[in-house]
Amino acid sequence: MTGERALWVAVLEAVILDARKGRDLDYIDTPNFRTVASLAGLDPDAARDAIKALTRARQSRGAA
């Protein structure tokens, strides 16, 4: 993995952590998220759907 790709993967990790905590959920529907996911080597739609699934699972468990 290149240093640049590793950087974008780290940004996505931060997005996932925020989403799991219920913060900044609107970001995953922005063009910026699509760019970050692409630069990390992921399909933006698949990444967004996976993060939304994590969020739904968290909400259904009633996690804090």
N, C-alpha and C. Protein backbone atom coordinates (compact mmCIF):
# COMPACT_ATOMS: atom_id res chain seq x y z
N MET A 1 0.86 -1.17 0.00
CA MET A 1 0.00 0.00 0.00
C MET A 1 0.90 1.23 0.00
N THR A 2 0.56 2.17 -0.85
CA THR A 2 1.33 3.40 -0.92
C THR A 2 1.02 4.28 0.30
N GLY A 3 1.91 5.22 0.54
CA GLY A 3 1.69 6.15 1.65
C GLY A 3 0.44 6.98 1.45
N GLU A 4 0.19 7.38 0.21
CA GLU A 4 -1.01 8.18 -0.07
C GLU A 4 -2.28 7.37 0.18
N ARG A 5 -2.29 6.14 -0.29
CA ARG A 5 -3.48 5.30 -0.07
C ARG A 5 -3.68 5.05 1.43
N ALA A 6 -2.58 4.82 2.14
CA ALA A 6 -2.67 4.59 3.58
C ALA A 6 -3.29 5.81 4.29
N LEU A 7 -2.96 6.99 3.81
CA LEU A 7 -3.53 8.21 4.37
C LEU A 7 -5.05 8.21 4.20
N TRP A 8 -5.53 7.91 3.00
CA TRP A 8 -6.97 7.93 2.75
C TRP A 8 -7.69 6.81 3.49
N VAL A 9 -7.04 5.68 3.66
CA VAL A 9 -7.62 4.60 4.47
C VAL A 9 -7.76 5.07 5.91
N ALA A 10 -6.77 5.79 6.42
CA ALA A 10 -6.84 6.31 7.78
C ALA A 10 -7.98 7.32 7.92
N VAL A 11 -8.19 8.14 6.90
CA VAL A 11 -9.32 9.07 6.92
C VAL A 11 -10.63 8.30 7.00
N LEU A 12 -10.75 7.23 6.21
CA LEU A 12 -11.97 6.41 6.25
C LEU A 12 -12.14 5.74 7.60
N GLU A 13 -11.06 5.33 8.22
CA GLU A 13 -11.16 4.75 9.56
C GLU A 13 -11.75 5.76 10.54
N ALA A 14 -11.33 7.01 10.42
CA ALA A 14 -11.88 8.06 11.29
C ALA A 14 -13.36 8.27 11.01
N VAL A 15 -13.74 8.22 9.74
CA VAL A 15 -15.15 8.36 9.38
C VAL A 15 -15.97 7.23 9.99
N ILE A 16 -15.43 6.01 9.92
CA ILE A 16 -16.13 4.85 10.49
C ILE A 16 -16.27 4.99 11.99
N LEU A 17 -15.22 5.40 12.66
CA LEU A 17 -15.30 5.59 14.12
C LEU A 17 -16.35 6.63 14.48
N ASP A 18 -16.37 7.74 13.73
CA ASP A 18 -17.38 8.77 13.98
C ASP A 18 -18.79 8.21 13.75
N ALA A 19 -18.97 7.47 12.68
CA ALA A 19 -20.28 6.90 12.36
C ALA A 19 -20.73 5.94 13.46
N ARG A 20 -19.81 5.15 13.96
CA ARG A 20 -20.15 4.19 15.03
C ARG A 20 -20.59 4.92 16.29
N LYS A 21 -20.11 6.14 16.46
CA LYS A 21 -20.50 6.95 17.62
C LYS A 21 -21.70 7.83 17.32
N GLY A 22 -22.24 7.71 16.11
CA GLY A 22 -23.40 8.50 15.74
C GLY A 22 -23.10 9.92 15.35
N ARG A 23 -21.85 10.21 15.01
CA ARG A 23 -21.44 11.57 14.66
C ARG A 23 -21.15 11.68 13.17
N ASP A 24 -21.44 12.83 12.62
CA ASP A 24 -21.06 13.21 11.25
C ASP A 24 -21.56 12.22 10.20
N LEU A 25 -22.77 11.74 10.37
CA LEU A 25 -23.32 10.75 9.45
C LEU A 25 -23.63 11.33 8.08
N ASP A 26 -23.88 12.62 7.99
CA ASP A 26 -24.18 13.24 6.70
C ASP A 26 -22.97 13.22 5.76
N TYR A 27 -21.78 13.15 6.31
CA TYR A 27 -20.57 13.20 5.49
C TYR A 27 -20.53 12.07 4.46
N ILE A 28 -21.05 10.90 4.81
CA ILE A 28 -20.93 9.76 3.89
C ILE A 28 -21.81 9.90 2.65
N ASP A 29 -22.63 10.93 2.60
CA ASP A 29 -23.46 11.20 1.42
C ASP A 29 -22.94 12.38 0.61
N THR A 30 -21.70 12.79 0.86
CA THR A 30 -21.15 13.94 0.15
C THR A 30 -20.18 13.52 -0.95
N PRO A 31 -19.97 14.41 -1.92
CA PRO A 31 -18.96 14.13 -2.95
C PRO A 31 -17.56 13.95 -2.35
N ASN A 32 -17.27 14.65 -1.26
CA ASN A 32 -15.95 14.50 -0.63
C ASN A 32 -15.74 13.06 -0.14
N PHE A 33 -16.78 12.46 0.43
CA PHE A 33 -16.66 11.07 0.87
C PHE A 33 -16.38 10.16 -0.33
N ARG A 34 -17.07 10.39 -1.43
CA ARG A 34 -16.85 9.58 -2.63
C ARG A 34 -15.39 9.68 -3.08
N THR A 35 -14.84 10.87 -3.02
CA THR A 35 -13.44 11.07 -3.41
C THR A 35 -12.51 10.33 -2.47
N VAL A 36 -12.73 10.47 -1.18
CA VAL A 36 -11.87 9.81 -0.19
C VAL A 36 -11.93 8.29 -0.35
N ALA A 37 -13.13 7.75 -0.51
CA ALA A 37 -13.27 6.30 -0.68
C ALA A 37 -12.53 5.84 -1.93
N SER A 38 -12.67 6.58 -3.01
CA SER A 38 -11.97 6.23 -4.25
C SER A 38 -10.46 6.27 -4.08
N LEU A 39 -9.97 7.31 -3.42
CA LEU A 39 -8.53 7.42 -3.21
C LEU A 39 -8.00 6.32 -2.28
N ALA A 40 -8.88 5.79 -1.43
CA ALA A 40 -8.50 4.69 -0.55
C ALA A 40 -8.58 3.35 -1.28
N GLY A 41 -9.05 3.38 -2.53
CA GLY A 41 -9.12 2.16 -3.32
C GLY A 41 -10.40 1.38 -3.13
N LEU A 42 -11.45 2.05 -2.63
CA LEU A 42 -12.73 1.39 -2.40
C LEU A 42 -13.80 1.94 -3.32
N ASP A 43 -14.82 1.13 -3.54
CA ASP A 43 -15.99 1.59 -4.27
C ASP A 43 -16.77 2.51 -3.32
N PRO A 44 -16.99 3.75 -3.70
CA PRO A 44 -17.65 4.69 -2.79
C PRO A 44 -19.04 4.25 -2.36
N ASP A 45 -19.82 3.68 -3.28
CA ASP A 45 -21.17 3.25 -2.92
C ASP A 45 -21.13 2.08 -1.93
N ALA A 46 -20.24 1.14 -2.16
CA ALA A 46 -20.11 0.00 -1.25
C ALA A 46 -19.64 0.45 0.12
N ALA A 47 -18.69 1.40 0.16
CA ALA A 47 -18.19 1.91 1.43
C ALA A 47 -19.30 2.63 2.19
N ARG A 48 -20.05 3.46 1.49
CA ARG A 48 -21.17 4.19 2.13
C ARG A 48 -22.20 3.21 2.67
N ASP A 49 -22.55 2.20 1.86
CA ASP A 49 -23.54 1.23 2.30
C ASP A 49 -23.06 0.44 3.52
N ALA A 50 -21.78 0.11 3.56
CA ALA A 50 -21.24 -0.63 4.70
C ALA A 50 -21.27 0.22 5.97
N ILE A 51 -20.94 1.49 5.84
CA ILE A 51 -20.96 2.37 7.00
C ILE A 51 -22.40 2.57 7.49
N LYS A 52 -23.33 2.72 6.55
CA LYS A 52 -24.73 2.85 6.95
C LYS A 52 -25.22 1.58 7.64
N ALA A 53 -24.77 0.43 7.17
CA ALA A 53 -25.16 -0.84 7.81
C ALA A 53 -24.62 -0.91 9.23
N LEU A 54 -23.39 -0.45 9.43
CA LEU A 54 -22.83 -0.41 10.79
C LEU A 54 -23.67 0.49 11.70
N THR A 55 -24.07 1.62 11.15
CA THR A 55 -24.86 2.58 11.91
C THR A 55 -26.21 1.99 12.28
N ARG A 56 -26.85 1.32 11.32
CA ARG A 56 -28.16 0.69 11.60
C ARG A 56 -28.02 -0.39 12.65
N ALA A 57 -26.96 -1.19 12.55
CA ALA A 57 -26.74 -2.27 13.53
C ALA A 57 -26.54 -1.68 14.92
N ARG A 58 -25.80 -0.60 15.00
CA ARG A 58 -25.57 0.08 16.29
C ARG A 58 -26.88 0.59 16.86
N GLN A 59 -27.71 1.21 16.01
CA GLN A 59 -28.98 1.75 16.46
C GLN A 59 -29.93 0.64 16.91
N SER A 60 -29.92 -0.47 16.20
CA SER A 60 -30.84 -1.56 16.56
C SER A 60 -30.44 -2.23 17.87
N ARG A 61 -29.16 -2.18 18.20
CA ARG A 61 -28.69 -2.73 19.48
C ARG A 61 -28.88 -1.73 20.61
N GLY A 62 -29.14 -0.46 20.25
CA GLY A 62 -29.31 0.56 21.28
C GLY A 62 -28.00 0.94 21.92
N ALA A 63 -26.89 0.76 21.18
CA ALA A 63 -25.56 1.07 21.73
C ALA A 63 -25.41 2.57 21.90
N ALA A 64 -24.57 2.93 22.85
CA ALA A 64 -24.31 4.35 23.10
C ALA A 64 -23.10 4.82 22.37
